Amino acid sequence: MPRGPKKHLKRLAAPKHWMLDKLSGVFAPKPSAGPHKSRECLPLVILLRNRLRFALTKREVLTILKQRLVRVDGKIRTDTKFPAGFMDVVAIDKVRDGNYRLLFDVKGRFVVQKISAQEAKYKLGKVRSTKVGPNGVPQIYLHDGRNIRYPDPLIKVNDTVKVDLETGKITDFVKYDIGNLVMVTGGHNLGRVGLITSKEKHPGSFDITHIRDAAGHSFSTRTNNVFVIGKGTKSLVSLPWRKGIKRTILQEAESRLNKTSPNERSTA
C-alpha cells in the first residue's frame, strides 16, 4: 500500500457542485491542504477556468498564477489547487473591477459574486470556538482557519465577525440572535437566506435554528449550518441573484416557459 495522503482525485469522485463533466478526462484537481475542507472548497484552477473563463486550460491558469496576479483574502496565491471557500475574497490584478466573493446559491453551488473594491477590503468569519491560549491569552477560531487573539469579550460561538483583510483585525461583529439575517452553509437548505425566528437547544443532540425567508417560507436547520451575514434585514455582503430565496419546481418550470418565445412554444 502507498504511504501518506492521496495525491489524486478521480473525476467521478469530485464534489458535484464543481460541475465537472464526465468525458473531459479521468482525473480532477485534488485541492491542496488549506483553510477549507476539500469537499467544501473551489480550487483556483476551477475558479479561473470553469467559472470566470479567464483561461482555457490548466496550463494557462498556471501562467496567470505564476505572474502573481491572483490574491485570495489579500494574499498572493500561486498554487493552482489552492482551496478557496465560502466568504473568501478573490482579487485579480489587471482585470477591471476584478473583485469576487465566493457564496452559495440555493442549489448548493458556489457563486462567484462580483463585489466593489470597498467591499473587497473585508470578509465575514463565523466563530467556531473560543478558548484561552498559552499565557492566558483569549482567542477565537473562525470557519476559515483564522485564529484571532484578544477579541471582544462579547463575541461568542456562532457569532460572526467582520475581519479587515489588510490588518487581520476585527472591525465589527454580529450576534447570533433572533431577527438577524443568516445564510445556510450546509444541509438540504444550503444557500437559503432568511431571518432567525427561533432557536432550540437539544443537549446530547443537534441544536436547531428556525428561519423565515423574504418570501415568507419557514424552514429549519442545524445551528452548525447557520452563518449570520447581517444585522436585522441588512446584509453586510452583496448577495447573489434571487437573494437566497428558493423557488418550487413549478415556479422554476414556469419561469423557463416564460423565457421561451411564443413561436418556439407553438413549434414545440
Protein backbone atom coordinates (compact mmCIF):
# COMPACT_ATOMS: atom_id res chain seq x y z
CA MET A 1 0.00 0.00 0.00
CA PRO A 2 1.24 3.54 -0.73
CA ARG A 3 2.10 5.71 2.22
CA GLY A 4 0.80 9.17 3.01
CA PRO A 5 -2.29 11.06 1.88
CA LYS A 6 -3.76 10.52 -1.55
CA LYS A 7 -2.47 12.89 -4.21
CA HIS A 8 -5.08 12.20 -6.89
CA LEU A 9 -8.84 12.58 -7.28
CA LYS A 10 -10.96 10.81 -9.85
CA ARG A 11 -13.37 12.99 -11.77
CA LEU A 12 -16.42 10.96 -10.79
CA ALA A 13 -15.47 11.24 -7.11
CA ALA A 14 -15.16 15.05 -7.24
CA PRO A 15 -17.82 17.15 -5.48
CA LYS A 16 -20.92 17.60 -7.63
CA HIS A 17 -21.03 21.36 -7.05
CA TRP A 18 -17.81 21.71 -9.07
CA MET A 19 -19.96 20.78 -12.08
CA LEU A 20 -17.21 18.94 -13.96
CA ASP A 21 -18.30 16.89 -16.99
CA LYS A 22 -17.52 13.19 -17.09
CA LEU A 23 -15.96 12.93 -20.54
CA SER A 24 -13.20 15.57 -20.40
CA GLY A 25 -10.73 13.38 -18.59
CA VAL A 26 -10.24 10.80 -15.89
CA PHE A 27 -8.93 12.98 -13.05
CA ALA A 28 -9.96 16.19 -11.31
CA PRO A 29 -7.78 18.65 -9.39
CA LYS A 30 -7.34 17.48 -5.81
CA PRO A 31 -7.39 20.53 -3.51
CA SER A 32 -4.27 21.27 -1.53
CA ALA A 33 -4.32 21.38 2.25
CA GLY A 34 -5.65 24.77 3.26
CA PRO A 35 -8.22 26.80 5.18
CA HIS A 36 -11.28 24.94 3.82
CA LYS A 37 -12.24 21.27 3.62
CA SER A 38 -11.56 19.57 0.31
CA ARG A 39 -15.24 18.93 -0.41
CA GLU A 40 -16.32 22.41 0.70
CA CYS A 41 -13.99 24.46 -1.46
CA LEU A 42 -13.31 25.50 -5.05
CA PRO A 43 -9.73 25.08 -6.32
CA LEU A 44 -8.32 28.13 -8.10
CA VAL A 45 -7.94 26.18 -11.36
CA ILE A 46 -11.70 25.52 -11.47
CA LEU A 47 -12.47 29.07 -10.38
CA LEU A 48 -10.39 30.72 -13.11
CA ARG A 49 -11.00 28.18 -15.89
CA ASN A 50 -14.53 26.86 -15.42
CA ARG A 51 -16.26 29.75 -13.61
CA LEU A 52 -14.64 33.03 -14.65
CA ARG A 53 -13.43 31.73 -18.05
CA PHE A 54 -10.14 33.62 -17.80
CA ALA A 55 -8.29 30.55 -19.11
CA LEU A 56 -8.98 27.59 -21.37
CA THR A 57 -6.56 25.07 -19.88
CA LYS A 58 -4.78 24.37 -16.61
CA ARG A 59 -1.52 25.47 -18.23
CA GLU A 60 -2.99 28.93 -18.83
CA VAL A 61 -4.20 29.08 -15.22
CA LEU A 62 -0.67 28.22 -14.06
CA THR A 63 0.72 31.01 -16.24
CA ILE A 64 -1.68 33.53 -14.69
CA LEU A 65 -0.90 32.45 -11.12
CA LYS A 66 2.86 32.42 -11.62
CA GLN A 67 2.66 36.08 -12.62
CA ARG A 68 1.38 36.67 -9.06
CA LEU A 69 -1.81 38.31 -10.29
CA VAL A 70 -4.33 36.48 -8.07
CA ARG A 71 -4.89 37.26 -4.40
CA VAL A 72 -7.16 35.30 -2.05
CA ASP A 73 -8.08 37.26 1.09
CA GLY A 74 -5.32 39.73 0.30
CA LYS A 75 -2.54 37.14 -0.08
CA ILE A 76 -0.94 36.18 -3.39
CA ARG A 77 -1.58 32.53 -4.25
CA THR A 78 0.36 30.65 -6.93
CA ASP A 79 -0.95 27.13 -6.28
CA THR A 80 -3.49 26.03 -8.91
CA LYS A 81 -5.10 23.70 -6.35
CA PHE A 82 -5.37 26.24 -3.52
CA PRO A 83 -8.80 25.79 -1.85
CA ALA A 84 -10.88 28.96 -1.96
CA GLY A 85 -14.05 28.65 0.10
CA PHE A 86 -17.15 30.35 1.46
CA MET A 87 -16.78 34.13 2.03
CA ASP A 88 -13.27 34.23 0.52
CA VAL A 89 -12.42 37.35 -1.47
CA VAL A 90 -10.61 36.68 -4.75
CA ALA A 91 -8.93 39.72 -6.35
CA ILE A 92 -7.38 39.55 -9.81
CA ASP A 93 -4.97 42.26 -10.91
CA LYS A 94 -5.08 43.59 -14.48
CA VAL A 95 -8.84 42.93 -14.54
CA ARG A 96 -11.14 45.93 -14.27
CA ASP A 97 -13.25 45.59 -11.12
CA GLY A 98 -11.77 42.11 -10.66
CA ASN A 99 -13.01 41.54 -7.10
CA TYR A 100 -15.15 38.50 -6.31
CA ARG A 101 -16.61 36.82 -3.24
CA LEU A 102 -17.49 33.11 -3.05
CA LEU A 103 -21.04 32.47 -1.84
CA PHE A 104 -23.65 29.72 -2.25
CA ASP A 105 -26.76 29.68 -4.42
CA VAL A 106 -29.96 27.89 -3.37
CA LYS A 107 -28.92 24.79 -5.33
CA GLY A 108 -25.78 24.34 -3.21
CA ARG A 109 -23.28 25.55 -5.82
CA PHE A 110 -20.57 28.14 -5.38
CA VAL A 111 -21.45 31.54 -6.86
CA VAL A 112 -18.66 33.93 -7.83
CA GLN A 113 -20.29 37.18 -6.74
CA LYS A 114 -18.77 40.36 -8.16
CA ILE A 115 -18.18 42.99 -5.47
CA SER A 116 -16.90 46.55 -5.23
CA ALA A 117 -13.37 47.49 -4.24
CA GLN A 118 -14.68 48.82 -0.93
CA GLU A 119 -16.42 45.53 -0.09
CA ALA A 120 -13.30 43.56 -1.09
CA LYS A 121 -11.44 45.04 1.88
CA TYR A 122 -13.21 42.79 4.41
CA LYS A 123 -14.74 39.37 4.87
CA LEU A 124 -17.05 37.71 7.37
CA GLY A 125 -15.99 34.83 9.59
CA LYS A 126 -18.10 32.56 11.76
CA VAL A 127 -16.76 31.88 15.26
CA ARG A 128 -16.26 28.13 15.62
CA SER A 129 -14.85 28.14 19.15
CA THR A 130 -13.46 30.42 21.84
CA LYS A 131 -10.54 29.35 24.02
CA VAL A 132 -7.88 30.65 26.34
CA GLY A 133 -4.49 30.01 24.77
CA PRO A 134 -0.97 29.97 26.21
CA ASN A 135 -0.20 32.62 28.84
CA GLY A 136 -3.92 33.18 29.37
CA VAL A 137 -4.48 34.87 26.01
CA PRO A 138 -8.15 34.68 24.89
CA GLN A 139 -8.56 33.54 21.29
CA ILE A 140 -11.33 32.84 18.80
CA TYR A 141 -11.19 30.39 15.90
CA LEU A 142 -13.05 31.16 12.67
CA HIS A 143 -14.54 28.94 9.96
CA ASP A 144 -11.63 29.66 7.58
CA GLY A 145 -8.90 28.59 10.00
CA ARG A 146 -8.09 32.05 11.33
CA ASN A 147 -7.01 32.44 14.93
CA ILE A 148 -7.55 35.93 16.37
CA ARG A 149 -6.14 36.92 19.76
CA TYR A 150 -7.69 39.32 22.28
CA PRO A 151 -11.20 39.52 20.76
CA ASP A 152 -14.10 41.50 22.21
CA PRO A 153 -15.38 39.60 25.30
CA LEU A 154 -18.94 39.83 23.94
CA ILE A 155 -18.06 37.63 20.94
CA LYS A 156 -19.33 34.08 21.44
CA VAL A 157 -19.60 30.85 19.43
CA ASN A 158 -21.83 31.10 16.31
CA ASP A 159 -21.42 34.88 16.16
CA THR A 160 -20.00 36.46 13.00
CA VAL A 161 -17.02 38.85 12.94
CA LYS A 162 -16.09 41.34 10.25
CA VAL A 163 -12.36 40.97 9.53
CA ASP A 164 -10.23 43.62 7.82
CA LEU A 165 -8.16 41.70 5.26
CA GLU A 166 -5.24 44.12 5.33
CA THR A 167 -4.67 44.11 9.09
CA GLY A 168 -6.41 40.87 10.08
CA LYS A 169 -8.17 42.70 12.92
CA ILE A 170 -11.86 42.54 13.85
CA THR A 171 -13.70 45.76 12.95
CA ASP A 172 -17.26 44.69 13.83
CA PHE A 173 -19.29 41.67 14.89
CA VAL A 174 -22.88 40.44 14.66
CA LYS A 175 -24.53 38.31 17.34
CA TYR A 176 -26.31 35.04 16.62
CA ASP A 177 -29.66 36.40 17.75
CA ILE A 178 -33.31 36.20 16.75
CA GLY A 179 -34.13 38.70 14.00
CA ASN A 180 -30.70 38.74 12.33
CA LEU A 181 -30.07 37.74 8.71
CA VAL A 182 -28.39 34.38 8.07
CA MET A 183 -27.28 32.18 5.19
CA VAL A 184 -27.38 28.40 5.43
CA THR A 185 -24.00 26.82 4.62
CA GLY A 186 -24.86 23.12 4.79
CA GLY A 187 -27.62 20.56 4.65
CA HIS A 188 -30.73 20.38 2.49
CA ASN A 189 -31.33 24.17 2.68
CA LEU A 190 -27.81 25.11 1.58
CA GLY A 191 -27.65 28.64 0.17
CA ARG A 192 -31.00 29.87 1.51
CA VAL A 193 -31.16 33.27 3.23
CA GLY A 194 -33.61 34.40 5.91
CA LEU A 195 -34.18 35.79 9.38
CA ILE A 196 -33.82 33.77 12.57
CA THR A 197 -37.26 33.28 14.14
CA SER A 198 -36.41 30.89 16.98
CA LYS A 199 -33.64 28.70 18.41
CA GLU A 200 -33.86 25.25 20.02
CA LYS A 201 -31.29 23.58 22.27
CA HIS A 202 -31.08 19.80 22.39
CA PRO A 203 -28.41 18.60 24.84
CA GLY A 204 -26.79 15.46 23.54
CA SER A 205 -28.09 16.10 20.03
CA PHE A 206 -28.01 18.90 17.42
CA ASP A 207 -29.26 22.41 18.19
CA ILE A 208 -31.87 23.61 15.69
CA THR A 209 -32.45 27.09 14.24
CA HIS A 210 -35.76 28.11 12.65
CA ILE A 211 -35.55 30.59 9.75
CA ARG A 212 -38.05 32.50 7.61
CA ASP A 213 -37.01 33.87 4.19
CA ALA A 214 -38.18 37.04 2.43
CA ALA A 215 -40.91 35.12 0.60
CA GLY A 216 -42.47 34.03 3.92
CA HIS A 217 -41.33 30.41 3.71
CA SER A 218 -40.20 28.88 7.01
CA PHE A 219 -37.62 26.11 7.39
CA SER A 220 -35.22 24.80 10.00
CA THR A 221 -31.63 23.53 10.00
CA ARG A 222 -28.85 22.63 12.40
CA THR A 223 -27.22 25.57 14.14
CA ASN A 224 -23.83 24.42 12.82
CA ASN A 225 -25.08 25.21 9.30
CA VAL A 226 -26.18 28.79 10.13
CA PHE A 227 -23.92 31.71 9.16
CA VAL A 228 -25.00 35.20 10.32
CA ILE A 229 -24.48 37.71 7.49
CA GLY A 230 -26.24 40.85 8.71
CA LYS A 231 -27.91 42.85 11.46
CA GLY A 232 -31.67 42.83 11.04
CA THR A 233 -32.62 42.64 7.38
CA LYS A 234 -29.49 44.44 6.09
CA SER A 235 -26.75 42.16 4.77
CA LEU A 236 -23.07 43.01 5.26
CA VAL A 237 -22.17 41.38 1.92
CA SER A 238 -23.64 41.51 -1.57
CA LEU A 239 -25.98 38.57 -2.12
CA PRO A 240 -26.23 36.60 -5.37
CA TRP A 241 -29.17 36.71 -7.76
CA ARG A 242 -32.56 35.82 -6.18
CA LYS A 243 -31.14 36.82 -2.77
CA GLY A 244 -31.19 33.28 -1.41
CA ILE A 245 -34.91 32.65 -1.99
CA LYS A 246 -35.59 29.08 -3.08
CA ARG A 247 -38.36 28.54 -5.62
CA THR A 248 -40.52 25.48 -6.07
CA ILE A 249 -40.18 23.15 -9.07
CA LEU A 250 -43.40 24.57 -10.55
CA GLN A 251 -42.14 28.15 -10.23
CA GLU A 252 -38.87 27.26 -11.95
CA ALA A 253 -40.70 25.45 -14.75
CA GLU A 254 -42.99 28.43 -15.26
CA SER A 255 -40.06 30.87 -15.44
CA ARG A 256 -38.31 28.68 -18.01
CA LEU A 257 -41.52 28.53 -20.04
CA ASN A 258 -41.87 32.31 -19.96
CA LYS A 259 -38.31 32.73 -21.26
CA THR A 260 -39.12 30.82 -24.47
CA SER A 261 -40.66 32.85 -27.26
CA PRO A 262 -44.29 32.23 -28.41
CA ASN A 263 -43.01 30.94 -31.78
CA GLU A 264 -40.83 28.30 -30.09
CA ARG A 265 -43.76 27.18 -27.93
CA SER A 266 -46.04 26.85 -30.96
CA THR A 267 -43.50 24.77 -32.89
CA ALA A 268 -42.91 22.56 -29.88
